[in-house]
Amino acid sequence: PTSSPTAIPTIAPTSLLDQACVDDLNYGAISPKKFGCVFHQNFDCARAEKLWGYTTAQTATLLKSCPESCGICALRQSFLNTKTPTYRPTERLPTAPSGVPSSTPS
């Protein structure tokens, strides 16, 4: 999302994945708890309401202001690298059976 309306409407809506992946160094000054972006590393920023009592608008500002610290850059890169989105992470399957059934036969 853009911070202000654009002069000419875009054909497709913008998203968090469209913005530059650089944290706003000034975010700490406007943060409700005065935490800078770096504080939010290793946390699920989308859960800021539950974790720190942020409002929905404050959580949106956090996600927009701190995309690198909130992991949005990595998420964006994974979307850009995938030709067809998958529902599960790609992983190498074992080459030999485990010896223990993974589910009950039907």
N, C-alpha and C. Protein backbone atom coordinates (compact mmCIF):
# COMPACT_ATOMS: atom_id res chain seq x y z
N PRO A 1 0.82 -1.18 0.00
CA PRO A 1 0.00 0.00 0.00
C PRO A 1 0.87 1.25 0.00
N THR A 2 0.41 2.25 -0.68
CA THR A 2 1.14 3.51 -0.70
C THR A 2 0.75 4.33 0.53
N SER A 3 1.65 5.21 0.97
CA SER A 3 1.37 6.01 2.16
C SER A 3 0.34 7.09 1.88
N SER A 4 0.19 7.48 0.64
CA SER A 4 -0.82 8.47 0.28
C SER A 4 -1.40 8.07 -1.07
N PRO A 5 -2.57 8.62 -1.41
CA PRO A 5 -3.17 8.25 -2.70
C PRO A 5 -2.25 8.60 -3.87
N THR A 6 -2.30 7.77 -4.89
CA THR A 6 -1.51 8.04 -6.09
C THR A 6 -2.28 8.97 -7.01
N ALA A 7 -1.56 9.71 -7.84
CA ALA A 7 -2.20 10.66 -8.75
C ALA A 7 -3.04 9.93 -9.79
N ILE A 8 -2.57 8.79 -10.23
CA ILE A 8 -3.27 8.00 -11.25
C ILE A 8 -3.52 6.62 -10.66
N PRO A 9 -4.75 6.13 -10.71
CA PRO A 9 -5.03 4.80 -10.15
C PRO A 9 -4.19 3.72 -10.84
N THR A 10 -3.79 2.73 -10.07
CA THR A 10 -3.05 1.60 -10.63
C THR A 10 -4.03 0.53 -11.09
N ILE A 11 -3.59 -0.29 -12.02
CA ILE A 11 -4.45 -1.35 -12.54
C ILE A 11 -4.68 -2.42 -11.48
N ALA A 12 -3.60 -2.82 -10.80
CA ALA A 12 -3.71 -3.84 -9.78
C ALA A 12 -3.45 -3.23 -8.41
N PRO A 13 -4.10 -3.73 -7.38
CA PRO A 13 -3.84 -3.19 -6.04
C PRO A 13 -2.39 -3.45 -5.62
N THR A 14 -1.85 -2.56 -4.82
CA THR A 14 -0.50 -2.75 -4.30
C THR A 14 -0.58 -3.55 -3.01
N SER A 15 0.50 -4.16 -2.63
CA SER A 15 0.52 -4.95 -1.41
C SER A 15 1.85 -4.73 -0.69
N LEU A 16 1.97 -5.33 0.48
CA LEU A 16 3.22 -5.25 1.22
C LEU A 16 4.38 -5.83 0.42
N LEU A 17 4.07 -6.75 -0.49
CA LEU A 17 5.13 -7.37 -1.28
C LEU A 17 5.68 -6.44 -2.35
N ASP A 18 4.95 -5.36 -2.65
CA ASP A 18 5.39 -4.43 -3.68
C ASP A 18 6.38 -3.37 -3.17
N GLN A 19 6.44 -3.17 -1.88
CA GLN A 19 7.28 -2.09 -1.36
C GLN A 19 8.73 -2.52 -1.22
N ALA A 20 9.61 -1.52 -1.11
CA ALA A 20 11.03 -1.79 -0.94
C ALA A 20 11.26 -2.50 0.39
N CYS A 21 12.22 -3.38 0.42
CA CYS A 21 12.51 -4.15 1.64
C CYS A 21 13.62 -3.49 2.44
N VAL A 22 13.30 -2.34 2.97
CA VAL A 22 14.24 -1.60 3.80
C VAL A 22 13.48 -1.08 5.00
N ASP A 23 14.01 -1.31 6.20
CA ASP A 23 13.37 -0.81 7.41
C ASP A 23 13.48 0.71 7.49
N ASP A 24 12.46 1.34 8.04
CA ASP A 24 12.45 2.78 8.28
C ASP A 24 13.19 3.04 9.59
N LEU A 25 14.34 3.68 9.51
CA LEU A 25 15.16 3.94 10.69
C LEU A 25 14.47 4.86 11.69
N ASN A 26 13.45 5.57 11.26
CA ASN A 26 12.72 6.49 12.14
C ASN A 26 11.50 5.86 12.79
N TYR A 27 11.26 4.57 12.55
CA TYR A 27 10.06 3.93 13.09
C TYR A 27 10.00 4.00 14.61
N GLY A 28 11.11 3.88 15.30
CA GLY A 28 11.12 3.92 16.76
C GLY A 28 10.50 5.19 17.32
N ALA A 29 10.62 6.29 16.59
CA ALA A 29 10.07 7.56 17.05
C ALA A 29 8.54 7.57 17.03
N ILE A 30 7.93 6.79 16.13
CA ILE A 30 6.47 6.76 16.04
C ILE A 30 5.87 5.48 16.61
N SER A 31 6.72 4.52 16.97
CA SER A 31 6.25 3.25 17.51
C SER A 31 5.51 3.49 18.83
N PRO A 32 4.38 2.81 19.05
CA PRO A 32 3.63 2.99 20.29
C PRO A 32 4.47 2.71 21.54
N LYS A 33 5.38 1.78 21.46
CA LYS A 33 6.23 1.41 22.60
C LYS A 33 7.64 1.99 22.47
N LYS A 34 7.86 2.78 21.41
CA LYS A 34 9.17 3.37 21.11
C LYS A 34 10.22 2.31 20.79
N PHE A 35 9.76 1.15 20.27
CA PHE A 35 10.66 0.09 19.82
C PHE A 35 11.01 0.35 18.36
N GLY A 36 12.28 0.29 18.01
CA GLY A 36 12.68 0.39 16.62
C GLY A 36 12.42 -0.93 15.90
N CYS A 37 12.64 -0.93 14.62
CA CYS A 37 12.39 -2.13 13.81
C CYS A 37 13.20 -3.34 14.29
N VAL A 38 14.45 -3.12 14.67
CA VAL A 38 15.32 -4.23 15.06
C VAL A 38 14.72 -5.01 16.24
N PHE A 39 14.02 -4.33 17.14
CA PHE A 39 13.39 -5.02 18.27
C PHE A 39 12.43 -6.10 17.80
N HIS A 40 11.78 -5.88 16.67
CA HIS A 40 10.73 -6.78 16.20
C HIS A 40 11.25 -8.00 15.45
N GLN A 41 12.57 -8.10 15.24
CA GLN A 41 13.13 -9.29 14.60
C GLN A 41 12.81 -10.51 15.44
N ASN A 42 12.60 -11.62 14.81
CA ASN A 42 12.32 -12.91 15.46
C ASN A 42 10.95 -12.96 16.13
N PHE A 43 10.10 -11.98 15.86
CA PHE A 43 8.72 -12.01 16.34
C PHE A 43 7.81 -12.01 15.12
N ASP A 44 6.59 -12.50 15.30
CA ASP A 44 5.59 -12.44 14.25
C ASP A 44 4.92 -11.07 14.33
N CYS A 45 5.39 -10.13 13.53
CA CYS A 45 4.91 -8.75 13.59
C CYS A 45 3.41 -8.64 13.35
N ALA A 46 2.84 -9.56 12.60
CA ALA A 46 1.40 -9.54 12.33
C ALA A 46 0.60 -9.78 13.61
N ARG A 47 1.25 -10.27 14.65
CA ARG A 47 0.58 -10.53 15.93
C ARG A 47 0.87 -9.44 16.96
N ALA A 48 1.28 -8.26 16.50
CA ALA A 48 1.64 -7.16 17.40
C ALA A 48 0.48 -6.77 18.33
N GLU A 49 -0.75 -6.93 17.87
CA GLU A 49 -1.90 -6.61 18.72
C GLU A 49 -1.90 -7.50 19.96
N LYS A 50 -1.69 -8.78 19.76
CA LYS A 50 -1.69 -9.72 20.88
C LYS A 50 -0.40 -9.66 21.70
N LEU A 51 0.74 -9.49 21.00
CA LEU A 51 2.03 -9.49 21.69
C LEU A 51 2.28 -8.22 22.50
N TRP A 52 1.94 -7.07 21.94
CA TRP A 52 2.29 -5.80 22.58
C TRP A 52 1.12 -4.86 22.76
N GLY A 53 -0.09 -5.27 22.41
CA GLY A 53 -1.25 -4.41 22.59
C GLY A 53 -1.41 -3.32 21.54
N TYR A 54 -0.79 -3.50 20.37
CA TYR A 54 -0.92 -2.52 19.29
C TYR A 54 -2.35 -2.54 18.75
N THR A 55 -2.78 -1.43 18.17
CA THR A 55 -4.06 -1.40 17.45
C THR A 55 -3.84 -2.00 16.07
N THR A 56 -4.92 -2.22 15.34
CA THR A 56 -4.81 -2.74 13.98
C THR A 56 -4.02 -1.77 13.10
N ALA A 57 -4.29 -0.47 13.25
CA ALA A 57 -3.56 0.54 12.46
C ALA A 57 -2.08 0.56 12.82
N GLN A 58 -1.76 0.42 14.10
CA GLN A 58 -0.35 0.41 14.54
C GLN A 58 0.37 -0.83 14.00
N THR A 59 -0.33 -1.95 13.95
CA THR A 59 0.26 -3.17 13.40
C THR A 59 0.53 -2.99 11.91
N ALA A 60 -0.41 -2.39 11.19
CA ALA A 60 -0.21 -2.13 9.76
C ALA A 60 0.99 -1.21 9.53
N THR A 61 1.14 -0.19 10.38
CA THR A 61 2.28 0.72 10.26
C THR A 61 3.58 -0.02 10.54
N LEU A 62 3.58 -0.89 11.53
CA LEU A 62 4.77 -1.70 11.84
C LEU A 62 5.17 -2.54 10.63
N LEU A 63 4.21 -3.25 10.04
CA LEU A 63 4.50 -4.11 8.89
C LEU A 63 5.01 -3.31 7.70
N LYS A 64 4.45 -2.12 7.51
CA LYS A 64 4.88 -1.28 6.40
C LYS A 64 6.24 -0.66 6.66
N SER A 65 6.51 -0.28 7.91
CA SER A 65 7.75 0.42 8.26
C SER A 65 8.94 -0.50 8.45
N CYS A 66 8.68 -1.75 8.81
CA CYS A 66 9.77 -2.67 9.16
C CYS A 66 9.71 -3.97 8.36
N PRO A 67 9.67 -3.90 7.03
CA PRO A 67 9.52 -5.13 6.26
C PRO A 67 10.70 -6.10 6.42
N GLU A 68 11.91 -5.57 6.54
CA GLU A 68 13.07 -6.45 6.68
C GLU A 68 13.05 -7.14 8.04
N SER A 69 12.87 -6.38 9.11
CA SER A 69 12.85 -6.96 10.46
C SER A 69 11.67 -7.89 10.67
N CYS A 70 10.55 -7.62 10.02
CA CYS A 70 9.36 -8.45 10.18
C CYS A 70 9.35 -9.67 9.26
N GLY A 71 10.38 -9.84 8.43
CA GLY A 71 10.48 -11.01 7.58
C GLY A 71 9.71 -10.92 6.28
N ILE A 72 9.17 -9.75 5.97
CA ILE A 72 8.40 -9.60 4.73
C ILE A 72 9.32 -9.70 3.52
N CYS A 73 10.56 -9.27 3.65
CA CYS A 73 11.50 -9.35 2.52
C CYS A 73 11.76 -10.80 2.14
N ALA A 74 11.96 -11.64 3.15
CA ALA A 74 12.19 -13.06 2.88
C ALA A 74 10.95 -13.69 2.27
N LEU A 75 9.79 -13.31 2.77
CA LEU A 75 8.52 -13.82 2.22
C LEU A 75 8.38 -13.38 0.77
N ARG A 76 8.67 -12.12 0.52
CA ARG A 76 8.60 -11.59 -0.84
C ARG A 76 9.53 -12.35 -1.77
N GLN A 77 10.76 -12.59 -1.32
CA GLN A 77 11.73 -13.29 -2.15
C GLN A 77 11.27 -14.71 -2.45
N SER A 78 10.65 -15.37 -1.47
CA SER A 78 10.19 -16.74 -1.72
C SER A 78 9.05 -16.74 -2.74
N PHE A 79 8.17 -15.72 -2.71
CA PHE A 79 7.12 -15.63 -3.72
C PHE A 79 7.71 -15.37 -5.10
N LEU A 80 8.71 -14.49 -5.16
CA LEU A 80 9.31 -14.15 -6.44
C LEU A 80 10.08 -15.31 -7.04
N ASN A 81 10.62 -16.18 -6.21
CA ASN A 81 11.41 -17.31 -6.70
C ASN A 81 10.55 -18.50 -7.10
N THR A 82 9.28 -18.51 -6.74
CA THR A 82 8.41 -19.63 -7.02
C THR A 82 7.55 -19.33 -8.24
N LYS A 83 7.64 -20.17 -9.26
CA LYS A 83 6.82 -19.97 -10.45
C LYS A 83 5.36 -20.26 -10.15
N THR A 84 5.10 -21.32 -9.44
CA THR A 84 3.75 -21.68 -9.03
C THR A 84 3.73 -21.78 -7.52
N PRO A 85 2.91 -20.97 -6.83
CA PRO A 85 2.88 -21.04 -5.37
C PRO A 85 2.50 -22.44 -4.90
N THR A 86 3.12 -22.86 -3.82
CA THR A 86 2.83 -24.15 -3.23
C THR A 86 2.20 -23.96 -1.86
N TYR A 87 1.51 -24.97 -1.40
CA TYR A 87 0.87 -24.90 -0.08
C TYR A 87 1.82 -25.36 1.02
N ARG A 88 2.87 -26.06 0.65
CA ARG A 88 3.83 -26.58 1.62
C ARG A 88 5.24 -26.22 1.19
N PRO A 89 6.14 -26.13 2.16
CA PRO A 89 7.54 -25.91 1.77
C PRO A 89 8.05 -27.10 0.96
N THR A 90 8.91 -26.83 0.02
CA THR A 90 9.51 -27.91 -0.76
C THR A 90 10.58 -28.57 0.09
N GLU A 91 10.54 -29.85 0.18
CA GLU A 91 11.55 -30.58 0.95
C GLU A 91 11.89 -31.87 0.23
N ARG A 92 13.07 -32.35 0.51
CA ARG A 92 13.51 -33.60 -0.10
C ARG A 92 12.86 -34.76 0.65
N LEU A 93 12.24 -35.65 -0.10
CA LEU A 93 11.61 -36.82 0.51
C LEU A 93 12.67 -37.86 0.83
N PRO A 94 12.46 -38.63 1.90
CA PRO A 94 13.43 -39.68 2.23
C PRO A 94 13.50 -40.72 1.12
N THR A 95 14.66 -41.31 0.95
CA THR A 95 14.83 -42.32 -0.10
C THR A 95 14.51 -43.73 0.38
N ALA A 96 14.40 -43.91 1.70
CA ALA A 96 14.09 -45.24 2.24
C ALA A 96 12.90 -45.12 3.20
N PRO A 97 12.11 -46.19 3.32
CA PRO A 97 10.99 -46.14 4.26
C PRO A 97 11.50 -45.99 5.70
N SER A 98 10.66 -45.38 6.53
CA SER A 98 11.06 -45.16 7.92
C SER A 98 10.92 -46.40 8.78
N GLY A 99 10.14 -47.37 8.35
CA GLY A 99 9.92 -48.57 9.16
C GLY A 99 8.70 -48.44 10.06
N VAL A 100 8.15 -47.24 10.17
CA VAL A 100 6.97 -47.00 10.99
C VAL A 100 5.91 -46.38 10.09
N PRO A 101 4.69 -46.93 10.09
CA PRO A 101 3.65 -46.33 9.25
C PRO A 101 3.39 -44.88 9.64
N SER A 102 3.14 -44.04 8.66
CA SER A 102 2.85 -42.64 8.94
C SER A 102 1.37 -42.39 9.17
N SER A 103 0.54 -43.33 8.77
CA SER A 103 -0.90 -43.21 9.03
C SER A 103 -1.51 -44.61 9.03
N THR A 104 -2.71 -44.68 9.52
CA THR A 104 -3.41 -45.95 9.57
C THR A 104 -3.96 -46.28 8.19
N PRO A 105 -3.74 -47.48 7.69
CA PRO A 105 -4.29 -47.83 6.36
C PRO A 105 -5.80 -47.78 6.39
N SER A 106 -6.39 -47.44 5.25
CA SER A 106 -7.85 -47.36 5.18
C SER A 106 -8.44 -48.63 4.65
